[in-house]
PDB file of N, CA and C in Angstrom:
ATOM      1  N   MET A   1      19.252   8.749  47.725  1.00  0.00           N
ATOM      2  CA  MET A   1      18.954   7.327  48.055  1.00  0.00           C
ATOM      3  C   MET A   1      20.135   6.297  46.960  1.00  0.00           C
ATOM      4  N   THR A   2      19.978   6.921  45.740  1.00  0.00           N
ATOM      5  CA  THR A   2      20.981   6.506  44.768  1.00  0.00           C
ATOM      6  C   THR A   2      22.276   6.538  45.134  1.00  0.00           C
ATOM      7  N   ARG A   3      22.709   8.390  45.278  1.00  0.00           N
ATOM      8  CA  ARG A   3      23.640   8.886  45.310  1.00  0.00           C
ATOM      9  C   ARG A   3      24.299   7.124  46.559  1.00  0.00           C
ATOM     10  N   PHE A   4      23.584   7.299  47.306  1.00  0.00           N
ATOM     11  CA  PHE A   4      24.464   7.248  48.437  1.00  0.00           C
ATOM     12  C   PHE A   4      24.648   5.224  48.553  1.00  0.00           C
ATOM     13  N   ALA A   5      23.806   5.039  47.840  1.00  0.00           N
ATOM     14  CA  ALA A   5      24.077   3.486  47.751  1.00  0.00           C
ATOM     15  C   ALA A   5      25.946   3.152  46.299  1.00  0.00           C
ATOM     16  N   LEU A   6      25.307   4.412  45.607  1.00  0.00           N
ATOM     17  CA  LEU A   6      26.806   4.059  45.138  1.00  0.00           C
ATOM     18  C   LEU A   6      28.100   4.445  45.788  1.00  0.00           C
ATOM     19  N   THR A   7      27.802   5.399  46.320  1.00  0.00           N
ATOM     20  CA  THR A   7      29.246   5.669  47.071  1.00  0.00           C
ATOM     21  C   THR A   7      28.740   5.167  47.801  1.00  0.00           C
ATOM     22  N   LEU A   8      29.047   3.778  48.440  1.00  0.00           N
ATOM     23  CA  LEU A   8      28.832   2.255  49.587  1.00  0.00           C
ATOM     24  C   LEU A   8      29.382   2.122  48.488  1.00  0.00           C
ATOM     25  N   ALA A   9      28.832   1.591  47.593  1.00  0.00           N
ATOM     26  CA  ALA A   9      29.434   0.278  46.623  1.00  0.00           C
ATOM     27  C   ALA A   9      30.723   0.725  46.410  1.00  0.00           C
ATOM     28  N   LEU A  10      31.538   2.273  45.957  1.00  0.00           N
ATOM     29  CA  LEU A  10      32.365   2.416  45.321  1.00  0.00           C
ATOM     30  C   LEU A  10      33.594   2.993  46.717  1.00  0.00           C
ATOM     31  N   PHE A  11      32.937   2.573  48.169  1.00  0.00           N
ATOM     32  CA  PHE A  11      33.428   2.280  49.159  1.00  0.00           C
ATOM     33  C   PHE A  11      34.336   1.202  49.231  1.00  0.00           C
ATOM     34  N   ALA A  12      32.851  -0.003  48.409  1.00  0.00           N
ATOM     35  CA  ALA A  12      33.733  -1.562  49.565  1.00  0.00           C
ATOM     36  C   ALA A  12      34.478  -2.037  47.795  1.00  0.00           C
ATOM     37  N   ALA A  13      34.239  -1.012  47.350  1.00  0.00           N
ATOM     38  CA  ALA A  13      35.139  -1.657  45.654  1.00  0.00           C
ATOM     39  C   ALA A  13      36.414  -1.191  46.191  1.00  0.00           C
ATOM     40  N   LEU A  14      36.434  -0.230  46.566  1.00  0.00           N
ATOM     41  CA  LEU A  14      38.458   0.984  46.902  1.00  0.00           C
ATOM     42  C   LEU A  14      38.867  -0.125  48.223  1.00  0.00           C
ATOM     43  N   ALA A  15      37.959  -0.482  49.149  1.00  0.00           N
ATOM     44  CA  ALA A  15      38.653  -1.521  50.313  1.00  0.00           C
ATOM     45  C   ALA A  15      39.252  -2.701  50.199  1.00  0.00           C
ATOM     46  N   GLY A  16      38.972  -3.300  48.898  1.00  0.00           N
ATOM     47  CA  GLY A  16      39.498  -4.572  48.285  1.00  0.00           C
ATOM     48  C   GLY A  16      39.278  -5.861  49.377  1.00  0.00           C
ATOM     49  N   PRO A  17      39.923  -6.474  48.990  1.00  0.00           N
ATOM     50  CA  PRO A  17      39.209  -8.411  49.778  1.00  0.00           C
ATOM     51  C   PRO A  17      39.472  -7.833  51.163  1.00  0.00           C
ATOM     52  N   VAL A  18      39.019  -8.707  51.872  1.00  0.00           N
ATOM     53  CA  VAL A  18      39.384  -8.751  53.709  1.00  0.00           C
ATOM     54  C   VAL A  18      40.029  -9.992  53.510  1.00  0.00           C
ATOM     55  N   SER A  19      41.672  -9.705  54.149  1.00  0.00           N
ATOM     56  CA  SER A  19      42.268 -11.020  54.276  1.00  0.00           C
ATOM     57  C   SER A  19      42.368 -11.928  55.096  1.00  0.00           C
ATOM     58  N   ALA A  20      41.872 -12.627  54.609  1.00  0.00           N
ATOM     59  CA  ALA A  20      41.718 -13.827  55.845  1.00  0.00           C
ATOM     60  C   ALA A  20      42.805 -14.618  56.581  1.00  0.00           C
ATOM     61  N   GLU A  21      43.360 -14.664  57.467  1.00  0.00           N
ATOM     62  CA  GLU A  21      44.401 -15.256  58.150  1.00  0.00           C
ATOM     63  C   GLU A  21      44.322 -17.087  57.759  1.00  0.00           C
ATOM     64  N   CYS A  22      45.567 -17.523  57.464  1.00  0.00           N
ATOM     65  CA  CYS A  22      45.831 -18.738  57.491  1.00  0.00           C
ATOM     66  C   CYS A  22      46.951 -19.071  57.737  1.00  0.00           C
ATOM     67  N   PHE A  23      46.741 -20.156  58.778  1.00  0.00           N
ATOM     68  CA  PHE A  23      47.364 -21.327  60.204  1.00  0.00           C
ATOM     69  C   PHE A  23      47.270 -22.353  59.518  1.00  0.00           C
ATOM     70  N   ALA A  24      49.156 -22.960  59.458  1.00  0.00           N
ATOM     71  CA  ALA A  24      48.786 -23.754  59.888  1.00  0.00           C
ATOM     72  C   ALA A  24      49.705 -25.840  61.040  1.00  0.00           C
ATOM     73  N   ASP A  25      49.279 -26.530  61.579  1.00  0.00           N
ATOM     74  CA  ASP A  25      49.536 -26.975  61.747  1.00  0.00           C
ATOM     75  C   ASP A  25      50.849 -28.618  61.418  1.00  0.00           C
ATOM     76  N   TYR A  26      51.862 -28.580  62.022  1.00  0.00           N
ATOM     77  CA  TYR A  26      52.426 -29.548  61.273  1.00  0.00           C
ATOM     78  C   TYR A  26      53.300 -30.504  62.022  1.00  0.00           C
ATOM     79  N   LYS A  27      53.766 -31.687  62.095  1.00  0.00           N
ATOM     80  CA  LYS A  27      55.313 -32.634  63.270  1.00  0.00           C
ATOM     81  C   LYS A  27      56.497 -32.165  61.791  1.00  0.00           C
ATOM     82  N   ALA A  28      57.841 -31.522  63.134  1.00  0.00           N
ATOM     83  CA  ALA A  28      59.198 -32.012  61.912  1.00  0.00           C
ATOM     84  C   ALA A  28      59.769 -32.045  62.664  1.00  0.00           C
ATOM     85  N   LYS A  29      60.983 -32.901  62.268  1.00  0.00           N
ATOM     86  CA  LYS A  29      61.657 -33.421  63.046  1.00  0.00           C
ATOM     87  C   LYS A  29      63.833 -32.961  62.522  1.00  0.00           C
ATOM     88  N   GLN A  30      64.610 -32.983  62.988  1.00  0.00           N
ATOM     89  CA  GLN A  30      66.008 -33.296  63.071  1.00  0.00           C
ATOM     90  C   GLN A  30      66.512 -34.417  63.616  1.00  0.00           C
ATOM     91  N   ASP A  31      67.595 -34.895  62.746  1.00  0.00           N
ATOM     92  CA  ASP A  31      68.456 -35.789  62.526  1.00  0.00           C
ATOM     93  C   ASP A  31      69.668 -35.788  63.808  1.00  0.00           C
ATOM     94  N   ALA A  32      70.130 -36.854  64.538  1.00  0.00           N
ATOM     95  CA  ALA A  32      71.752 -36.792  65.125  1.00  0.00           C
ATOM     96  C   ALA A  32      71.172 -36.167  65.900  1.00  0.00           C
ATOM     97  N   PRO A  33      71.318 -36.302  67.095  1.00  0.00           N
ATOM     98  CA  PRO A  33      70.128 -36.833  67.815  1.00  0.00           C
ATOM     99  C   PRO A  33      68.634 -36.209  67.461  1.00  0.00           C
ATOM    100  N   LEU A  34      68.326 -37.919  66.797  1.00  0.00           N
ATOM    101  CA  LEU A  34      66.593 -37.066  66.897  1.00  0.00           C
ATOM    102  C   LEU A  34      65.688 -36.563  67.987  1.00  0.00           C
ATOM    103  N   ARG A  35      65.436 -35.645  67.499  1.00  0.00           N
ATOM    104  CA  ARG A  35      64.293 -34.748  67.495  1.00  0.00           C
ATOM    105  C   ARG A  35      63.116 -33.839  67.248  1.00  0.00           C
ATOM    106  N   LEU A  36      62.034 -34.519  67.747  1.00  0.00           N
ATOM    107  CA  LEU A  36      60.859 -33.882  67.087  1.00  0.00           C
ATOM    108  C   LEU A  36      59.895 -33.432  67.579  1.00  0.00           C
ATOM    109  N   HIS A  37      59.308 -31.988  66.880  1.00  0.00           N
ATOM    110  CA  HIS A  37      58.264 -30.926  67.240  1.00  0.00           C
ATOM    111  C   HIS A  37      56.542 -31.009  66.936  1.00  0.00           C
ATOM    112  N   TYR A  38      55.700 -30.126  67.247  1.00  0.00           N
ATOM    113  CA  TYR A  38      54.563 -30.251  66.993  1.00  0.00           C
ATOM    114  C   TYR A  38      54.534 -28.130  67.018  1.00  0.00           C
ATOM    115  N   GLY A  39      53.930 -28.551  65.676  1.00  0.00           N
ATOM    116  CA  GLY A  39      54.238 -26.353  65.542  1.00  0.00           C
ATOM    117  C   GLY A  39      53.304 -25.358  64.968  1.00  0.00           C
ATOM    118  N   VAL A  40      52.663 -25.336  64.994  1.00  0.00           N
ATOM    119  CA  VAL A  40      51.699 -24.058  64.476  1.00  0.00           C
ATOM    120  C   VAL A  40      52.827 -23.063  63.219  1.00  0.00           C
ATOM    121  N   ALA A  41      51.764 -22.051  62.016  1.00  0.00           N
ATOM    122  CA  ALA A  41      52.933 -21.562  61.362  1.00  0.00           C
ATOM    123  C   ALA A  41      51.685 -20.672  60.573  1.00  0.00           C
ATOM    124  N   GLN A  42      52.066 -19.643  59.765  1.00  0.00           N
ATOM    125  CA  GLN A  42      51.416 -18.831  59.577  1.00  0.00           C
ATOM    126  C   GLN A  42      52.129 -19.037  57.769  1.00  0.00           C
ATOM    127  N   VAL A  43      50.834 -19.456  56.666  1.00  0.00           N
ATOM    128  CA  VAL A  43      51.393 -19.499  55.620  1.00  0.00           C
ATOM    129  C   VAL A  43      49.886 -18.630  54.925  1.00  0.00           C
ATOM    130  N   SER A  44      50.693 -18.394  53.890  1.00  0.00           N
ATOM    131  CA  SER A  44      49.779 -17.397  53.171  1.00  0.00           C
ATOM    132  C   SER A  44      48.399 -18.382  52.141  1.00  0.00           C
ATOM    133  N   ASP A  45      48.200 -16.835  52.544  1.00  0.00           N
ATOM    134  CA  ASP A  45      46.124 -17.407  51.727  1.00  0.00           C
ATOM    135  C   ASP A  45      46.143 -18.884  50.544  1.00  0.00           C
ATOM    136  N   ALA A  46      46.962 -18.070  49.418  1.00  0.00           N
ATOM    137  CA  ALA A  46      47.341 -19.061  48.177  1.00  0.00           C
ATOM    138  C   ALA A  46      47.290 -20.561  48.952  1.00  0.00           C
ATOM    139  N   ASN A  47      48.080 -20.502  49.910  1.00  0.00           N
ATOM    140  CA  ASN A  47      48.995 -21.577  50.430  1.00  0.00           C
ATOM    141  C   ASN A  47      47.812 -22.351  51.442  1.00  0.00           C
ATOM    142  N   CYS A  48      46.466 -22.404  51.487  1.00  0.00           N
ATOM    143  CA  CYS A  48      45.650 -22.828  53.145  1.00  0.00           C
ATOM    144  C   CYS A  48      45.475 -23.598  52.941  1.00  0.00           C
ATOM    145  N   SER A  49      45.489 -24.724  52.551  1.00  0.00           N
ATOM    146  CA  SER A  49      45.149 -26.159  52.533  1.00  0.00           C
ATOM    147  C   SER A  49      46.533 -27.388  52.385  1.00  0.00           C
ATOM    148  N   PRO A  50      46.400 -28.892  52.931  1.00  0.00           N
ATOM    149  CA  PRO A  50      48.035 -28.861  54.541  1.00  0.00           C
ATOM    150  C   PRO A  50      48.371 -30.089  52.464  1.00  0.00           C
ATOM    151  N   GLY A  51      48.212 -29.694  51.703  1.00  0.00           N
ATOM    152  CA  GLY A  51      49.052 -29.550  50.351  1.00  0.00           C
ATOM    153  C   GLY A  51      49.586 -28.248  50.016  1.00  0.00           C
ATOM    154  N   ASN A  52      49.431 -27.359  50.150  1.00  0.00           N
ATOM    155  CA  ASN A  52      49.888 -26.457  49.182  1.00  0.00           C
ATOM    156  C   ASN A  52      50.930 -25.656  50.713  1.00  0.00           C
ATOM    157  N   ALA A  53      50.097 -25.719  51.996  1.00  0.00           N
ATOM    158  CA  ALA A  53      50.737 -25.286  53.133  1.00  0.00           C
ATOM    159  C   ALA A  53      52.649 -26.253  53.297  1.00  0.00           C
ATOM    160  N   GLU A  54      52.482 -27.373  53.332  1.00  0.00           N
ATOM    161  CA  GLU A  54      53.934 -28.286  53.172  1.00  0.00           C
ATOM    162  C   GLU A  54      54.757 -27.781  51.526  1.00  0.00           C
ATOM    163  N   SER A  55      54.937 -27.230  51.066  1.00  0.00           N
ATOM    164  CA  SER A  55      55.915 -26.379  50.175  1.00  0.00           C
ATOM    165  C   SER A  55      55.981 -25.183  50.226  1.00  0.00           C
ATOM    166  N   GLU A  56      55.133 -24.264  50.681  1.00  0.00           N
ATOM    167  CA  GLU A  56      55.512 -23.315  51.343  1.00  0.00           C
ATOM    168  C   GLU A  56      56.306 -23.253  52.659  1.00  0.00           C
ATOM    169  N   LEU A  57      56.172 -24.262  53.503  1.00  0.00           N
ATOM    170  CA  LEU A  57      56.358 -24.699  55.361  1.00  0.00           C
ATOM    171  C   LEU A  57      57.432 -25.471  55.134  1.00  0.00           C
ATOM    172  N   ALA A  58      58.196 -26.258  54.398  1.00  0.00           N
ATOM    173  CA  ALA A  58      58.993 -27.105  53.821  1.00  0.00           C
ATOM    174  C   ALA A  58      60.625 -26.244  54.128  1.00  0.00           C
ATOM    175  N   PRO A  59      60.791 -24.850  52.783  1.00  0.00           N
ATOM    176  CA  PRO A  59      61.846 -24.578  53.166  1.00  0.00           C
ATOM    177  C   PRO A  59      62.152 -23.938  53.988  1.00  0.00           C
ATOM    178  N   ARG A  60      61.120 -23.610  55.151  1.00  0.00           N
ATOM    179  CA  ARG A  60      61.249 -22.550  56.453  1.00  0.00           C
ATOM    180  C   ARG A  60      61.349 -23.540  57.192  1.00  0.00           C
ATOM    181  N   LEU A  61      61.573 -24.414  56.825  1.00  0.00           N
ATOM    182  CA  LEU A  61      61.598 -25.232  58.532  1.00  0.00           C
ATOM    183  C   LEU A  61      62.956 -26.216  57.852  1.00  0.00           C
ATOM    184  N   ALA A  62      63.548 -26.076  56.818  1.00  0.00           N
ATOM    185  CA  ALA A  62      65.312 -26.207  56.572  1.00  0.00           C
ATOM    186  C   ALA A  62      65.970 -25.803  56.522  1.00  0.00           C
ATOM    187  N   ALA A  63      66.103 -24.504  56.363  1.00  0.00           N
ATOM    188  CA  ALA A  63      66.372 -23.112  57.047  1.00  0.00           C
ATOM    189  C   ALA A  63      66.635 -22.955  58.240  1.00  0.00           C
ATOM    190  N   GLY A  64      65.439 -23.241  59.487  1.00  0.00           N
ATOM    191  CA  GLY A  64      65.976 -24.018  60.830  1.00  0.00           C
ATOM    192  C   GLY A  64      67.059 -25.611  61.063  1.00  0.00           C
ATOM    193  N   GLY A  65      67.099 -26.227  60.020  1.00  0.00           N
ATOM    194  CA  GLY A  65      67.421 -27.435  60.393  1.00  0.00           C
ATOM    195  C   GLY A  65      66.789 -28.132  60.718  1.00  0.00           C
ATOM    196  N   TRP A  66      65.786 -27.767  59.971  1.00  0.00           N
ATOM    197  CA  TRP A  66      64.391 -29.047  60.507  1.00  0.00           C
ATOM    198  C   TRP A  66      63.321 -29.805  58.984  1.00  0.00           C
ATOM    199  N   THR A  67      63.169 -30.737  59.210  1.00  0.00           N
ATOM    200  CA  THR A  67      62.364 -31.523  58.016  1.00  0.00           C
ATOM    201  C   THR A  67      61.718 -31.756  58.780  1.00  0.00           C
ATOM    202  N   LEU A  68      60.598 -30.610  57.268  1.00  0.00           N
ATOM    203  CA  LEU A  68      58.689 -30.992  57.574  1.00  0.00           C
ATOM    204  C   LEU A  68      58.325 -33.328  57.688  1.00  0.00           C
ATOM    205  N   LEU A  69      58.297 -32.787  58.481  1.00  0.00           N
ATOM    206  CA  LEU A  69      57.258 -34.858  58.716  1.00  0.00           C
ATOM    207  C   LEU A  69      55.947 -35.072  57.237  1.00  0.00           C
ATOM    208  N   ASN A  70      55.037 -33.811  57.842  1.00  0.00           N
ATOM    209  CA  ASN A  70      53.896 -33.737  57.954  1.00  0.00           C
ATOM    210  C   ASN A  70      52.922 -32.291  58.033  1.00  0.00           C
ATOM    211  N   VAL A  71      52.089 -31.901  57.681  1.00  0.00           N
ATOM    212  CA  VAL A  71      51.405 -30.647  57.754  1.00  0.00           C
ATOM    213  C   VAL A  71      50.091 -30.948  57.824  1.00  0.00           C
ATOM    214  N   LEU A  72      49.149 -31.315  59.910  1.00  0.00           N
ATOM    215  CA  LEU A  72      48.467 -32.146  60.144  1.00  0.00           C
ATOM    216  C   LEU A  72      47.077 -31.235  59.723  1.00  0.00           C
ATOM    217  N   SER A  73      46.545 -30.018  59.759  1.00  0.00           N
ATOM    218  CA  SER A  73      45.242 -29.425  59.191  1.00  0.00           C
ATOM    219  C   SER A  73      45.650 -28.230  58.857  1.00  0.00           C
ATOM    220  N   THR A  74      45.367 -27.596  58.288  1.00  0.00           N
ATOM    221  CA  THR A  74      44.418 -25.928  58.053  1.00  0.00           C
ATOM    222  C   THR A  74      43.834 -25.085  58.354  1.00  0.00           C
ATOM    223  N   PHE A  75      44.117 -23.662  59.124  1.00  0.00           N
ATOM    224  CA  PHE A  75      42.838 -23.249  59.756  1.00  0.00           C
ATOM    225  C   PHE A  75      42.304 -21.736  60.041  1.00  0.00           C
ATOM    226  N   GLY A  76      41.741 -21.460  59.908  1.00  0.00           N
ATOM    227  CA  GLY A  76      41.430 -19.802  60.478  1.00  0.00           C
ATOM    228  C   GLY A  76      42.341 -19.717  62.058  1.00  0.00           C
ATOM    229  N   PRO A  77      41.814 -18.043  62.036  1.00  0.00           N
ATOM    230  CA  PRO A  77      41.903 -17.572  63.508  1.00  0.00           C
ATOM    231  C   PRO A  77      41.429 -18.430  64.814  1.00  0.00           C
ATOM    232  N   GLU A  78      40.754 -19.167  64.823  1.00  0.00           N
ATOM    233  CA  GLU A  78      39.677 -18.915  64.879  1.00  0.00           C
ATOM    234  C   GLU A  78      40.025 -20.316  66.336  1.00  0.00           C
ATOM    235  N   GLY A  79      41.483 -21.246  65.015  1.00  0.00           N
ATOM    236  CA  GLY A  79      41.719 -22.017  65.691  1.00  0.00           C
ATOM    237  C   GLY A  79      43.033 -21.921  66.273  1.00  0.00           C
ATOM    238  N   LEU A  80      42.960 -21.233  66.962  1.00  0.00           N
ATOM    239  CA  LEU A  80      45.259 -20.739  67.425  1.00  0.00           C
ATOM    240  C   LEU A  80      45.097 -21.171  68.688  1.00  0.00           C
ATOM    241  N   GLY A  81      44.089 -20.810  69.259  1.00  0.00           N
ATOM    242  CA  GLY A  81      44.345 -20.864  71.130  1.00  0.00           C
ATOM    243  C   GLY A  81      43.762 -22.507  71.806  1.00  0.00           C
ATOM    244  N   GLU A  82      43.417 -22.621  70.773  1.00  0.00           N
ATOM    245  CA  GLU A  82      43.436 -24.695  71.383  1.00  0.00           C
ATOM    246  C   GLU A  82      44.475 -25.076  70.833  1.00  0.00           C
ATOM    247  N   ARG A  83      45.613 -24.391  70.346  1.00  0.00           N
ATOM    248  CA  ARG A  83      47.259 -25.248  69.664  1.00  0.00           C
ATOM    249  C   ARG A  83      47.806 -24.571  70.549  1.00  0.00           C
ATOM    250  N   GLN A  84      47.917 -23.689  71.317  1.00  0.00           N
ATOM    251  CA  GLN A  84      49.545 -22.705  71.390  1.00  0.00           C
ATOM    252  C   GLN A  84      49.368 -23.228  72.504  1.00  0.00           C
ATOM    253  N   ALA A  85      49.020 -24.032  73.405  1.00  0.00           N
ATOM    254  CA  ALA A  85      50.129 -24.364  74.186  1.00  0.00           C
ATOM    255  C   ALA A  85      51.237 -25.492  74.185  1.00  0.00           C
ATOM    256  N   SER A  86      50.115 -26.643  72.616  1.00  0.00           N
ATOM    257  CA  SER A  86      50.519 -27.978  72.259  1.00  0.00           C
ATOM    258  C   SER A  86      51.879 -27.341  71.820  1.00  0.00           C
ATOM    259  N   ALA A  87      51.787 -26.065  71.475  1.00  0.00           N
ATOM    260  CA  ALA A  87      53.054 -25.926  70.298  1.00  0.00           C
ATOM    261  C   ALA A  87      54.176 -25.118  70.957  1.00  0.00           C
ATOM    262  N   GLY A  88      53.891 -25.186  72.089  1.00  0.00           N
ATOM    263  CA  GLY A  88      55.203 -24.035  73.173  1.00  0.00           C
ATOM    264  C   GLY A  88      55.968 -22.901  72.667  1.00  0.00           C
ATOM    265  N   GLU A  89      56.864 -23.567  72.022  1.00  0.00           N
ATOM    266  CA  GLU A  89      58.122 -22.515  71.137  1.00  0.00           C
ATOM    267  C   GLU A  89      58.315 -22.422  70.702  1.00  0.00           C
ATOM    268  N   TYR A  90      57.050 -23.417  69.224  1.00  0.00           N
ATOM    269  CA  TYR A  90      56.916 -23.884  67.768  1.00  0.00           C
ATOM    270  C   TYR A  90      56.153 -23.196  68.027  1.00  0.00           C
ATOM    271  N   PHE A  91      55.203 -22.768  68.790  1.00  0.00           N
ATOM    272  CA  PHE A  91      53.753 -21.403  68.212  1.00  0.00           C
ATOM    273  C   PHE A  91      54.192 -20.365  67.276  1.00  0.00           C
ATOM    274  N   LEU A  92      53.946 -20.414  65.935  1.00  0.00           N
ATOM    275  CA  LEU A  92      54.204 -19.591  65.148  1.00  0.00           C
ATOM    276  C   LEU A  92      55.893 -19.240  65.331  1.00  0.00           C
ATOM    277  N   ARG A  93      56.325 -20.027  65.071  1.00  0.00           N
ATOM    278  CA  ARG A  93      58.183 -19.931  65.396  1.00  0.00           C
ATOM    279  C   ARG A  93      58.652 -19.830  64.005  1.00  0.00           C
ATOM    280  N   PHE A  94      58.285 -20.497  62.993  1.00  0.00           N
ATOM    281  CA  PHE A  94      58.225 -20.441  61.131  1.00  0.00           C
ATOM    282  C   PHE A  94      57.747 -20.154  60.667  1.00  0.00           C
TER     283      PHE A  94
END
């Protein structure tokens, strides 16, 4: 029994931590003409807070010609379904 428990512990240690998925919903704009959008983007687990997600999302959006206005919240995969319709074409685009 001890050998089984040690083997199980070894496999668990080798498997490593399970990667959690983190997403952020945000608002962004473009000027001339003014355009606004609401979107949902995946962010790294290390940036899974609204303040840290801003630093990750701002350059991505800027590369697409958008300016990040703010990150509304961060959440796990369980919040994707309720936000997909609202984000429309900006769902997981950036």
